[in-house]
mmCIF file of all heavy atoms, coordinates in Angstrom:
data_MODEL
# 
_entry.id   MODEL 
# 
loop_
_atom_site.group_PDB 
_atom_site.id 
_atom_site.type_symbol 
_atom_site.label_atom_id 
_atom_site.label_alt_id 
_atom_site.label_comp_id 
_atom_site.label_asym_id 
_atom_site.label_entity_id 
_atom_site.label_seq_id 
_atom_site.pdbx_PDB_ins_code 
_atom_site.Cartn_x 
_atom_site.Cartn_y 
_atom_site.Cartn_z 
_atom_site.occupancy 
_atom_site.B_iso_or_equiv 
_atom_site.pdbx_formal_charge 
_atom_site.auth_seq_id 
_atom_site.auth_comp_id 
_atom_site.auth_asym_id 
_atom_site.auth_atom_id 
_atom_site.pdbx_PDB_model_num 
ATOM 1   N N   . ILE A 1 1  ? 0.775   -1.157 0.003  1.00 0.00 ? 1  ILE A N   1 
ATOM 2   C CA  . ILE A 1 1  ? -0.023  0.017  -0.007 1.00 0.00 ? 1  ILE A CA  1 
ATOM 3   C C   . ILE A 1 1  ? 0.903   1.262  0.033  1.00 0.00 ? 1  ILE A C   1 
ATOM 4   O O   . ILE A 1 1  ? 1.599   1.536  0.951  1.00 0.00 ? 1  ILE A O   1 
ATOM 5   C CB  . ILE A 1 1  ? -0.936  0.042  1.214  1.00 0.00 ? 1  ILE A CB  1 
ATOM 6   C CG1 . ILE A 1 1  ? -1.697  -1.218 1.299  1.00 0.00 ? 1  ILE A CG1 1 
ATOM 7   C CG2 . ILE A 1 1  ? -1.789  1.312  1.074  1.00 0.00 ? 1  ILE A CG2 1 
ATOM 8   C CD1 . ILE A 1 1  ? -2.782  -1.372 0.236  1.00 0.00 ? 1  ILE A CD1 1 
ATOM 9   N N   . GLN A 1 2  ? 0.944   1.940  -1.169 1.00 0.00 ? 2  GLN A N   1 
ATOM 10  C CA  . GLN A 1 2  ? 1.797   3.131  -1.147 1.00 0.00 ? 2  GLN A CA  1 
ATOM 11  C C   . GLN A 1 2  ? 1.117   4.399  -1.252 1.00 0.00 ? 2  GLN A C   1 
ATOM 12  O O   . GLN A 1 2  ? 1.822   5.449  -1.157 1.00 0.00 ? 2  GLN A O   1 
ATOM 13  C CB  . GLN A 1 2  ? 2.685   2.946  -2.535 1.00 0.00 ? 2  GLN A CB  1 
ATOM 14  C CG  . GLN A 1 2  ? 3.589   1.798  -2.401 1.00 0.00 ? 2  GLN A CG  1 
ATOM 15  C CD  . GLN A 1 2  ? 4.489   1.630  -3.696 1.00 0.00 ? 2  GLN A CD  1 
ATOM 16  O OE1 . GLN A 1 2  ? 4.001   1.861  -4.912 1.00 0.00 ? 2  GLN A OE1 1 
ATOM 17  N NE2 . GLN A 1 2  ? 5.796   1.454  -3.455 1.00 0.00 ? 2  GLN A NE2 1 
ATOM 18  N N   . SER A 1 3  ? -0.138  4.430  -1.409 1.00 0.00 ? 3  SER A N   1 
ATOM 19  C CA  . SER A 1 3  ? -0.922  5.670  -1.379 1.00 0.00 ? 3  SER A CA  1 
ATOM 20  C C   . SER A 1 3  ? -2.396  5.323  -0.950 1.00 0.00 ? 3  SER A C   1 
ATOM 21  O O   . SER A 1 3  ? -2.876  4.208  -0.792 1.00 0.00 ? 3  SER A O   1 
ATOM 22  C CB  . SER A 1 3  ? -1.036  6.107  -2.977 1.00 0.00 ? 3  SER A CB  1 
ATOM 23  O OG  . SER A 1 3  ? -1.773  5.212  -3.745 1.00 0.00 ? 3  SER A OG  1 
ATOM 24  N N   . ASP A 1 4  ? -3.157  6.507  -0.810 1.00 0.00 ? 4  ASP A N   1 
ATOM 25  C CA  . ASP A 1 4  ? -4.606  6.269  -0.443 1.00 0.00 ? 4  ASP A CA  1 
ATOM 26  C C   . ASP A 1 4  ? -5.355  5.622  -1.535 1.00 0.00 ? 4  ASP A C   1 
ATOM 27  O O   . ASP A 1 4  ? -6.394  4.950  -1.309 1.00 0.00 ? 4  ASP A O   1 
ATOM 28  C CB  . ASP A 1 4  ? -5.275  7.516  0.053  1.00 0.00 ? 4  ASP A CB  1 
ATOM 29  C CG  . ASP A 1 4  ? -4.970  8.761  -0.861 1.00 0.00 ? 4  ASP A CG  1 
ATOM 30  O OD1 . ASP A 1 4  ? -5.032  8.568  -2.060 1.00 0.00 ? 4  ASP A OD1 1 
ATOM 31  O OD2 . ASP A 1 4  ? -4.926  9.800  -0.296 1.00 0.00 ? 4  ASP A OD2 1 
ATOM 32  N N   . GLU A 1 5  ? -4.937  5.823  -2.806 1.00 0.00 ? 5  GLU A N   1 
ATOM 33  C CA  . GLU A 1 5  ? -5.687  5.185  -3.964 1.00 0.00 ? 5  GLU A CA  1 
ATOM 34  C C   . GLU A 1 5  ? -5.323  3.624  -3.844 1.00 0.00 ? 5  GLU A C   1 
ATOM 35  O O   . GLU A 1 5  ? -6.279  2.909  -4.175 1.00 0.00 ? 5  GLU A O   1 
ATOM 36  C CB  . GLU A 1 5  ? -5.066  5.685  -5.284 1.00 0.00 ? 5  GLU A CB  1 
ATOM 37  C CG  . GLU A 1 5  ? -5.906  5.187  -6.440 1.00 0.00 ? 5  GLU A CG  1 
ATOM 38  C CD  . GLU A 1 5  ? -5.639  5.976  -7.675 1.00 0.00 ? 5  GLU A CD  1 
ATOM 39  O OE1 . GLU A 1 5  ? -4.708  6.823  -7.733 1.00 0.00 ? 5  GLU A OE1 1 
ATOM 40  O OE2 . GLU A 1 5  ? -6.380  5.698  -8.742 1.00 0.00 ? 5  GLU A OE2 1 
ATOM 41  N N   . ASP A 1 6  ? -4.154  3.291  -3.476 1.00 0.00 ? 6  ASP A N   1 
ATOM 42  C CA  . ASP A 1 6  ? -3.889  1.803  -3.327 1.00 0.00 ? 6  ASP A CA  1 
ATOM 43  C C   . ASP A 1 6  ? -4.774  1.239  -2.168 1.00 0.00 ? 6  ASP A C   1 
ATOM 44  O O   . ASP A 1 6  ? -5.207  0.135  -2.376 1.00 0.00 ? 6  ASP A O   1 
ATOM 45  C CB  . ASP A 1 6  ? -2.489  1.541  -2.891 1.00 0.00 ? 6  ASP A CB  1 
ATOM 46  C CG  . ASP A 1 6  ? -1.357  1.837  -4.082 1.00 0.00 ? 6  ASP A CG  1 
ATOM 47  O OD1 . ASP A 1 6  ? -1.984  1.942  -5.303 1.00 0.00 ? 6  ASP A OD1 1 
ATOM 48  O OD2 . ASP A 1 6  ? -0.290  1.967  -3.766 1.00 0.00 ? 6  ASP A OD2 1 
ATOM 49  N N   . PHE A 1 7  ? -4.912  2.040  -1.135 1.00 0.00 ? 7  PHE A N   1 
ATOM 50  C CA  . PHE A 1 7  ? -5.858  1.577  -0.038 1.00 0.00 ? 7  PHE A CA  1 
ATOM 51  C C   . PHE A 1 7  ? -7.141  1.346  -0.435 1.00 0.00 ? 7  PHE A C   1 
ATOM 52  O O   . PHE A 1 7  ? -7.793  0.283  -0.115 1.00 0.00 ? 7  PHE A O   1 
ATOM 53  C CB  . PHE A 1 7  ? -5.695  2.558  1.209  1.00 0.00 ? 7  PHE A CB  1 
ATOM 54  C CG  . PHE A 1 7  ? -6.475  2.006  2.305  1.00 0.00 ? 7  PHE A CG  1 
ATOM 55  C CD1 . PHE A 1 7  ? -6.014  1.056  3.094  1.00 0.00 ? 7  PHE A CD1 1 
ATOM 56  C CD2 . PHE A 1 7  ? -7.646  2.629  2.712  1.00 0.00 ? 7  PHE A CD2 1 
ATOM 57  C CE1 . PHE A 1 7  ? -6.724  0.540  4.317  1.00 0.00 ? 7  PHE A CE1 1 
ATOM 58  C CE2 . PHE A 1 7  ? -8.426  2.182  3.784  1.00 0.00 ? 7  PHE A CE2 1 
ATOM 59  C CZ  . PHE A 1 7  ? -7.919  1.191  4.592  1.00 0.00 ? 7  PHE A CZ  1 
ATOM 60  N N   . VAL A 1 8  ? -7.842  2.372  -1.180 1.00 0.00 ? 8  VAL A N   1 
ATOM 61  C CA  . VAL A 1 8  ? -9.278  2.059  -1.510 1.00 0.00 ? 8  VAL A CA  1 
ATOM 62  C C   . VAL A 1 8  ? -9.455  1.028  -2.555 1.00 0.00 ? 8  VAL A C   1 
ATOM 63  O O   . VAL A 1 8  ? -10.386 0.311  -2.670 1.00 0.00 ? 8  VAL A O   1 
ATOM 64  C CB  . VAL A 1 8  ? -9.966  3.423  -1.990 1.00 0.00 ? 8  VAL A CB  1 
ATOM 65  C CG1 . VAL A 1 8  ? -9.915  4.434  -0.815 1.00 0.00 ? 8  VAL A CG1 1 
ATOM 66  C CG2 . VAL A 1 8  ? -9.269  4.032  -3.275 1.00 0.00 ? 8  VAL A CG2 1 
ATOM 67  N N   . THR A 1 9  ? -8.385  0.808  -3.425 1.00 0.00 ? 9  THR A N   1 
ATOM 68  C CA  . THR A 1 9  ? -8.406  -0.300 -4.436 1.00 0.00 ? 9  THR A CA  1 
ATOM 69  C C   . THR A 1 9  ? -8.439  -1.582 -3.708 1.00 0.00 ? 9  THR A C   1 
ATOM 70  O O   . THR A 1 9  ? -9.158  -2.473 -4.094 1.00 0.00 ? 9  THR A O   1 
ATOM 71  C CB  . THR A 1 9  ? -7.221  -0.136 -5.461 1.00 0.00 ? 9  THR A CB  1 
ATOM 72  O OG1 . THR A 1 9  ? -7.315  1.055  -6.108 1.00 0.00 ? 9  THR A OG1 1 
ATOM 73  C CG2 . THR A 1 9  ? -7.191  -1.354 -6.315 1.00 0.00 ? 9  THR A CG2 1 
ATOM 74  N N   . TYR A 1 10 ? -7.597  -1.618 -2.645 1.00 0.00 ? 10 TYR A N   1 
ATOM 75  C CA  . TYR A 1 10 ? -7.460  -2.877 -1.809 1.00 0.00 ? 10 TYR A CA  1 
ATOM 76  C C   . TYR A 1 10 ? -8.873  -3.211 -1.186 1.00 0.00 ? 10 TYR A C   1 
ATOM 77  O O   . TYR A 1 10 ? -9.315  -4.229 -1.139 1.00 0.00 ? 10 TYR A O   1 
ATOM 78  C CB  . TYR A 1 10 ? -6.410  -2.728 -0.815 1.00 0.00 ? 10 TYR A CB  1 
ATOM 79  C CG  . TYR A 1 10 ? -6.410  -3.725 0.404  1.00 0.00 ? 10 TYR A CG  1 
ATOM 80  C CD1 . TYR A 1 10 ? -6.395  -5.032 0.082  1.00 0.00 ? 10 TYR A CD1 1 
ATOM 81  C CD2 . TYR A 1 10 ? -6.415  -3.255 1.736  1.00 0.00 ? 10 TYR A CD2 1 
ATOM 82  C CE1 . TYR A 1 10 ? -6.249  -5.852 1.178  1.00 0.00 ? 10 TYR A CE1 1 
ATOM 83  C CE2 . TYR A 1 10 ? -6.461  -4.077 2.865  1.00 0.00 ? 10 TYR A CE2 1 
ATOM 84  C CZ  . TYR A 1 10 ? -6.313  -5.439 2.583  1.00 0.00 ? 10 TYR A CZ  1 
ATOM 85  O OH  . TYR A 1 10 ? -6.332  -6.342 3.613  1.00 0.00 ? 10 TYR A OH  1 
ATOM 86  N N   . LEU A 1 11 ? -9.522  -2.136 -0.596 1.00 0.00 ? 11 LEU A N   1 
ATOM 87  C CA  . LEU A 1 11 ? -10.860 -2.264 -0.076 1.00 0.00 ? 11 LEU A CA  1 
ATOM 88  C C   . LEU A 1 11 ? -11.916 -2.806 -1.073 1.00 0.00 ? 11 LEU A C   1 
ATOM 89  O O   . LEU A 1 11 ? -12.730 -3.671 -0.604 1.00 0.00 ? 11 LEU A O   1 
ATOM 90  C CB  . LEU A 1 11 ? -11.400 -1.001 0.589  1.00 0.00 ? 11 LEU A CB  1 
ATOM 91  C CG  . LEU A 1 11 ? -10.618 -0.401 1.869  1.00 0.00 ? 11 LEU A CG  1 
ATOM 92  C CD1 . LEU A 1 11 ? -11.346 0.786  2.254  1.00 0.00 ? 11 LEU A CD1 1 
ATOM 93  C CD2 . LEU A 1 11 ? -10.665 -1.395 2.875  1.00 0.00 ? 11 LEU A CD2 1 
ATOM 94  N N   . LEU A 1 12 ? -11.830 -2.276 -2.198 1.00 0.00 ? 12 LEU A N   1 
ATOM 95  C CA  . LEU A 1 12 ? -12.762 -2.623 -3.292 1.00 0.00 ? 12 LEU A CA  1 
ATOM 96  C C   . LEU A 1 12 ? -12.487 -4.105 -3.751 1.00 0.00 ? 12 LEU A C   1 
ATOM 97  O O   . LEU A 1 12 ? -13.462 -4.932 -3.877 1.00 0.00 ? 12 LEU A O   1 
ATOM 98  C CB  . LEU A 1 12 ? -12.693 -1.728 -4.437 1.00 0.00 ? 12 LEU A CB  1 
ATOM 99  C CG  . LEU A 1 12 ? -13.807 -1.998 -5.567 1.00 0.00 ? 12 LEU A CG  1 
ATOM 100 C CD1 . LEU A 1 12 ? -15.123 -1.932 -5.168 1.00 0.00 ? 12 LEU A CD1 1 
ATOM 101 C CD2 . LEU A 1 12 ? -13.595 -0.930 -6.707 1.00 0.00 ? 12 LEU A CD2 1 
ATOM 102 N N   . GLU A 1 13 ? -11.248 -4.427 -4.076 1.00 0.00 ? 13 GLU A N   1 
ATOM 103 C CA  . GLU A 1 13 ? -10.949 -5.723 -4.642 1.00 0.00 ? 13 GLU A CA  1 
ATOM 104 C C   . GLU A 1 13 ? -10.940 -6.761 -3.554 1.00 0.00 ? 13 GLU A C   1 
ATOM 105 O O   . GLU A 1 13 ? -11.381 -7.931 -3.875 1.00 0.00 ? 13 GLU A O   1 
ATOM 106 C CB  . GLU A 1 13 ? -9.605  -5.733 -5.330 1.00 0.00 ? 13 GLU A CB  1 
ATOM 107 C CG  . GLU A 1 13 ? -9.534  -4.768 -6.552 1.00 0.00 ? 13 GLU A CG  1 
ATOM 108 C CD  . GLU A 1 13 ? -8.231  -4.648 -7.180 1.00 0.00 ? 13 GLU A CD  1 
ATOM 109 O OE1 . GLU A 1 13 ? -7.101  -5.156 -6.504 1.00 0.00 ? 13 GLU A OE1 1 
ATOM 110 O OE2 . GLU A 1 13 ? -8.017  -4.143 -8.254 1.00 0.00 ? 13 GLU A OE2 1 
ATOM 111 N N   . GLY A 1 14 ? -10.551 -6.474 -2.357 1.00 0.00 ? 14 GLY A N   1 
ATOM 112 C CA  . GLY A 1 14 ? -10.434 -7.398 -1.357 1.00 0.00 ? 14 GLY A CA  1 
ATOM 113 C C   . GLY A 1 14 ? -11.647 -7.650 -0.526 1.00 0.00 ? 14 GLY A C   1 
ATOM 114 O O   . GLY A 1 14 ? -11.956 -8.798 -0.127 1.00 0.00 ? 14 GLY A O   1 
ATOM 115 N N   . GLU A 1 15 ? -12.371 -6.553 -0.330 1.00 0.00 ? 15 GLU A N   1 
ATOM 116 C CA  . GLU A 1 15 ? -13.624 -6.694 0.600  1.00 0.00 ? 15 GLU A CA  1 
ATOM 117 C C   . GLU A 1 15 ? -14.925 -6.224 -0.119 1.00 0.00 ? 15 GLU A C   1 
ATOM 118 O O   . GLU A 1 15 ? -16.014 -6.255 0.553  1.00 0.00 ? 15 GLU A O   1 
ATOM 119 C CB  . GLU A 1 15 ? -13.386 -5.880 1.909  1.00 0.00 ? 15 GLU A CB  1 
ATOM 120 C CG  . GLU A 1 15 ? -12.291 -6.541 2.825  1.00 0.00 ? 15 GLU A CG  1 
ATOM 121 C CD  . GLU A 1 15 ? -12.760 -7.924 3.380  1.00 0.00 ? 15 GLU A CD  1 
ATOM 122 O OE1 . GLU A 1 15 ? -14.034 -8.135 3.295  1.00 0.00 ? 15 GLU A OE1 1 
ATOM 123 O OE2 . GLU A 1 15 ? -11.962 -8.441 4.134  1.00 0.00 ? 15 GLU A OE2 1 
ATOM 124 N N   . GLY A 1 16 ? -14.963 -5.708 -1.308 1.00 0.00 ? 16 GLY A N   1 
ATOM 125 C CA  . GLY A 1 16 ? -16.113 -5.228 -1.835 1.00 0.00 ? 16 GLY A CA  1 
ATOM 126 C C   . GLY A 1 16 ? -16.724 -4.009 -1.314 1.00 0.00 ? 16 GLY A C   1 
ATOM 127 O O   . GLY A 1 16 ? -17.932 -3.870 -1.182 1.00 0.00 ? 16 GLY A O   1 
ATOM 128 N N   . VAL A 1 17 ? -15.819 -3.101 -0.767 1.00 0.00 ? 17 VAL A N   1 
ATOM 129 C CA  . VAL A 1 17 ? -16.271 -1.847 -0.228 1.00 0.00 ? 17 VAL A CA  1 
ATOM 130 C C   . VAL A 1 17 ? -15.743 -0.624 -1.180 1.00 0.00 ? 17 VAL A C   1 
ATOM 131 O O   . VAL A 1 17 ? -14.511 -0.539 -1.394 1.00 0.00 ? 17 VAL A O   1 
ATOM 132 C CB  . VAL A 1 17 ? -15.714 -1.586 1.140  1.00 0.00 ? 17 VAL A CB  1 
ATOM 133 C CG1 . VAL A 1 17 ? -16.138 -0.224 1.625  1.00 0.00 ? 17 VAL A CG1 1 
ATOM 134 C CG2 . VAL A 1 17 ? -16.329 -2.664 2.126  1.00 0.00 ? 17 VAL A CG2 1 
ATOM 135 N N   . ALA A 1 18 ? -16.685 0.069  -1.684 1.00 0.00 ? 18 ALA A N   1 
ATOM 136 C CA  . ALA A 1 18 ? -16.233 1.177  -2.599 1.00 0.00 ? 18 ALA A CA  1 
ATOM 137 C C   . ALA A 1 18 ? -16.183 2.481  -1.956 1.00 0.00 ? 18 ALA A C   1 
ATOM 138 O O   . ALA A 1 18 ? -17.235 2.921  -1.513 1.00 0.00 ? 18 ALA A O   1 
ATOM 139 C CB  . ALA A 1 18 ? -17.240 1.181  -3.803 1.00 0.00 ? 18 ALA A CB  1 
ATOM 140 N N   . ALA A 1 19 ? -15.061 3.074  -1.874 1.00 0.00 ? 19 ALA A N   1 
ATOM 141 C CA  . ALA A 1 19 ? -14.882 4.412  -1.316 1.00 0.00 ? 19 ALA A CA  1 
ATOM 142 C C   . ALA A 1 19 ? -14.002 5.212  -2.323 1.00 0.00 ? 19 ALA A C   1 
ATOM 143 O O   . ALA A 1 19 ? -13.529 4.735  -3.327 1.00 0.00 ? 19 ALA A O   1 
ATOM 144 C CB  . ALA A 1 19 ? -14.235 4.408  0.171  1.00 0.00 ? 19 ALA A CB  1 
ATOM 145 N N   . VAL A 1 20 ? -13.796 6.575  -1.985 1.00 0.00 ? 20 VAL A N   1 
ATOM 146 C CA  . VAL A 1 20 ? -13.028 7.432  -2.978 1.00 0.00 ? 20 VAL A CA  1 
ATOM 147 C C   . VAL A 1 20 ? -11.747 7.932  -2.193 1.00 0.00 ? 20 VAL A C   1 
ATOM 148 O O   . VAL A 1 20 ? -11.769 8.240  -1.107 1.00 0.00 ? 20 VAL A O   1 
ATOM 149 C CB  . VAL A 1 20 ? -13.884 8.649  -3.349 1.00 0.00 ? 20 VAL A CB  1 
ATOM 150 C CG1 . VAL A 1 20 ? -13.186 9.441  -4.405 1.00 0.00 ? 20 VAL A CG1 1 
ATOM 151 C CG2 . VAL A 1 20 ? -15.194 8.259  -3.836 1.00 0.00 ? 20 VAL A CG2 1 
ATOM 152 N N   . HIS A 1 21 ? -10.687 7.703  -2.960 1.00 0.00 ? 21 HIS A N   1 
ATOM 153 C CA  . HIS A 1 21 ? -9.343  8.078  -2.429 1.00 0.00 ? 21 HIS A CA  1 
ATOM 154 C C   . HIS A 1 21 ? -9.205  9.604  -2.226 1.00 0.00 ? 21 HIS A C   1 
ATOM 155 O O   . HIS A 1 21 ? -9.641  10.405 -2.896 1.00 0.00 ? 21 HIS A O   1 
ATOM 156 C CB  . HIS A 1 21 ? -8.164  7.513  -3.274 1.00 0.00 ? 21 HIS A CB  1 
ATOM 157 C CG  . HIS A 1 21 ? -8.177  8.030  -4.704 1.00 0.00 ? 21 HIS A CG  1 
ATOM 158 N ND1 . HIS A 1 21 ? -9.289  7.771  -5.639 1.00 0.00 ? 21 HIS A ND1 1 
ATOM 159 C CD2 . HIS A 1 21 ? -7.382  8.837  -5.407 1.00 0.00 ? 21 HIS A CD2 1 
ATOM 160 C CE1 . HIS A 1 21 ? -9.058  8.305  -6.809 1.00 0.00 ? 21 HIS A CE1 1 
ATOM 161 N NE2 . HIS A 1 21 ? -7.952  8.965  -6.617 1.00 0.00 ? 21 HIS A NE2 1 
ATOM 162 N N   . GLY A 1 22 ? -8.442  9.993  -1.294 1.00 0.00 ? 22 GLY A N   1 
ATOM 163 C CA  . GLY A 1 22 ? -8.280  11.372 -0.770 1.00 0.00 ? 22 GLY A CA  1 
ATOM 164 C C   . GLY A 1 22 ? -7.512  12.240 -1.882 1.00 0.00 ? 22 GLY A C   1 
ATOM 165 O O   . GLY A 1 22 ? -7.792  13.368 -1.914 1.00 0.00 ? 22 GLY A O   1 
ATOM 166 N N   . ALA A 1 23 ? -6.675  11.587 -2.618 1.00 0.00 ? 23 ALA A N   1 
ATOM 167 C CA  . ALA A 1 23 ? -5.942  12.331 -3.721 1.00 0.00 ? 23 ALA A CA  1 
ATOM 168 C C   . ALA A 1 23 ? -6.958  13.040 -4.605 1.00 0.00 ? 23 ALA A C   1 
ATOM 169 O O   . ALA A 1 23 ? -6.571  14.152 -5.102 1.00 0.00 ? 23 ALA A O   1 
ATOM 170 C CB  . ALA A 1 23 ? -5.037  11.481 -4.400 1.00 0.00 ? 23 ALA A CB  1 
ATOM 171 N N   . ALA A 1 24 ? -8.075  12.504 -4.823 1.00 0.00 ? 24 ALA A N   1 
ATOM 172 C CA  . ALA A 1 24 ? -9.069  13.045 -5.722 1.00 0.00 ? 24 ALA A CA  1 
ATOM 173 C C   . ALA A 1 24 ? -9.654  14.349 -5.120 1.00 0.00 ? 24 ALA A C   1 
ATOM 174 O O   . ALA A 1 24 ? -10.071 15.299 -5.922 1.00 0.00 ? 24 ALA A O   1 
ATOM 175 C CB  . ALA A 1 24 ? -10.206 12.084 -5.901 1.00 0.00 ? 24 ALA A CB  1 
ATOM 176 N N   . PHE A 1 25 ? -9.552  14.524 -3.846 1.00 0.00 ? 25 PHE A N   1 
ATOM 177 C CA  . PHE A 1 25 ? -9.999  15.681 -3.133 1.00 0.00 ? 25 PHE A CA  1 
ATOM 178 C C   . PHE A 1 25 ? -8.875  16.642 -2.815 1.00 0.00 ? 25 PHE A C   1 
ATOM 179 O O   . PHE A 1 25 ? -9.094  17.615 -2.025 1.00 0.00 ? 25 PHE A O   1 
ATOM 180 C CB  . PHE A 1 25 ? -10.807 15.347 -1.879 1.00 0.00 ? 25 PHE A CB  1 
ATOM 181 C CG  . PHE A 1 25 ? -12.058 14.433 -2.188 1.00 0.00 ? 25 PHE A CG  1 
ATOM 182 C CD1 . PHE A 1 25 ? -11.775 13.069 -1.915 1.00 0.00 ? 25 PHE A CD1 1 
ATOM 183 C CD2 . PHE A 1 25 ? -13.203 14.811 -2.745 1.00 0.00 ? 25 PHE A CD2 1 
ATOM 184 C CE1 . PHE A 1 25 ? -12.814 12.166 -2.034 1.00 0.00 ? 25 PHE A CE1 1 
ATOM 185 C CE2 . PHE A 1 25 ? -14.228 14.007 -2.997 1.00 0.00 ? 25 PHE A CE2 1 
ATOM 186 C CZ  . PHE A 1 25 ? -14.129 12.540 -2.664 1.00 0.00 ? 25 PHE A CZ  1 
ATOM 187 N N   . GLY A 1 26 ? -7.766  16.360 -3.143 1.00 0.00 ? 26 GLY A N   1 
ATOM 188 C CA  . GLY A 1 26 ? -6.509  17.227 -2.961 1.00 0.00 ? 26 GLY A CA  1 
ATOM 189 C C   . GLY A 1 26 ? -5.808  17.123 -1.638 1.00 0.00 ? 26 GLY A C   1 
ATOM 190 O O   . GLY A 1 26 ? -4.896  17.956 -1.384 1.00 0.00 ? 26 GLY A O   1 
ATOM 191 N N   . LEU A 1 27 ? -6.126  16.119 -0.904 1.00 0.00 ? 27 LEU A N   1 
ATOM 192 C CA  . LEU A 1 27 ? -5.439  16.031 0.457  1.00 0.00 ? 27 LEU A CA  1 
ATOM 193 C C   . LEU A 1 27 ? -5.220  14.500 0.740  1.00 0.00 ? 27 LEU A C   1 
ATOM 194 O O   . LEU A 1 27 ? -6.292  13.736 0.898  1.00 0.00 ? 27 LEU A O   1 
ATOM 195 C CB  . LEU A 1 27 ? -6.078  16.722 1.622  1.00 0.00 ? 27 LEU A CB  1 
ATOM 196 C CG  . LEU A 1 27 ? -5.250  16.824 2.839  1.00 0.00 ? 27 LEU A CG  1 
ATOM 197 C CD1 . LEU A 1 27 ? -4.180  17.767 2.546  1.00 0.00 ? 27 LEU A CD1 1 
ATOM 198 C CD2 . LEU A 1 27 ? -6.128  17.361 4.070  1.00 0.00 ? 27 LEU A CD2 1 
ATOM 199 N N   . SER A 1 28 ? -4.003  13.967 0.794  1.00 0.00 ? 28 SER A N   1 
ATOM 200 C CA  . SER A 1 28 ? -3.742  12.634 1.153  1.00 0.00 ? 28 SER A CA  1 
ATOM 201 C C   . SER A 1 28 ? -2.925  12.641 2.554  1.00 0.00 ? 28 SER A C   1 
ATOM 202 O O   . SER A 1 28 ? -2.321  13.502 2.961  1.00 0.00 ? 28 SER A O   1 
ATOM 203 C CB  . SER A 1 28 ? -2.858  12.051 -0.029 1.00 0.00 ? 28 SER A CB  1 
ATOM 204 O OG  . SER A 1 28 ? -3.437  11.876 -1.130 1.00 0.00 ? 28 SER A OG  1 
ATOM 205 N N   . PRO A 1 29 ? -2.883  11.418 3.179  1.00 0.00 ? 29 PRO A N   1 
ATOM 206 C CA  . PRO A 1 29 ? -3.528  10.129 2.791  1.00 0.00 ? 29 PRO A CA  1 
ATOM 207 C C   . PRO A 1 29 ? -4.825  9.869  3.470  1.00 0.00 ? 29 PRO A C   1 
ATOM 208 O O   . PRO A 1 29 ? -4.855  9.501  4.665  1.00 0.00 ? 29 PRO A O   1 
ATOM 209 C CB  . PRO A 1 29 ? -2.446  9.093  3.222  1.00 0.00 ? 29 PRO A CB  1 
ATOM 210 C CG  . PRO A 1 29 ? -1.917  9.716  4.489  1.00 0.00 ? 29 PRO A CG  1 
ATOM 211 C CD  . PRO A 1 29 ? -1.893  11.193 4.231  1.00 0.00 ? 29 PRO A CD  1 
# 
């Protein structure tokens, strides 16, 4: 896991939970 986008991808692929990564909103992680 190198970024918040990696983290939300992990949630979606691993557990079926869809959220939006913080980089899309201009502040990470």
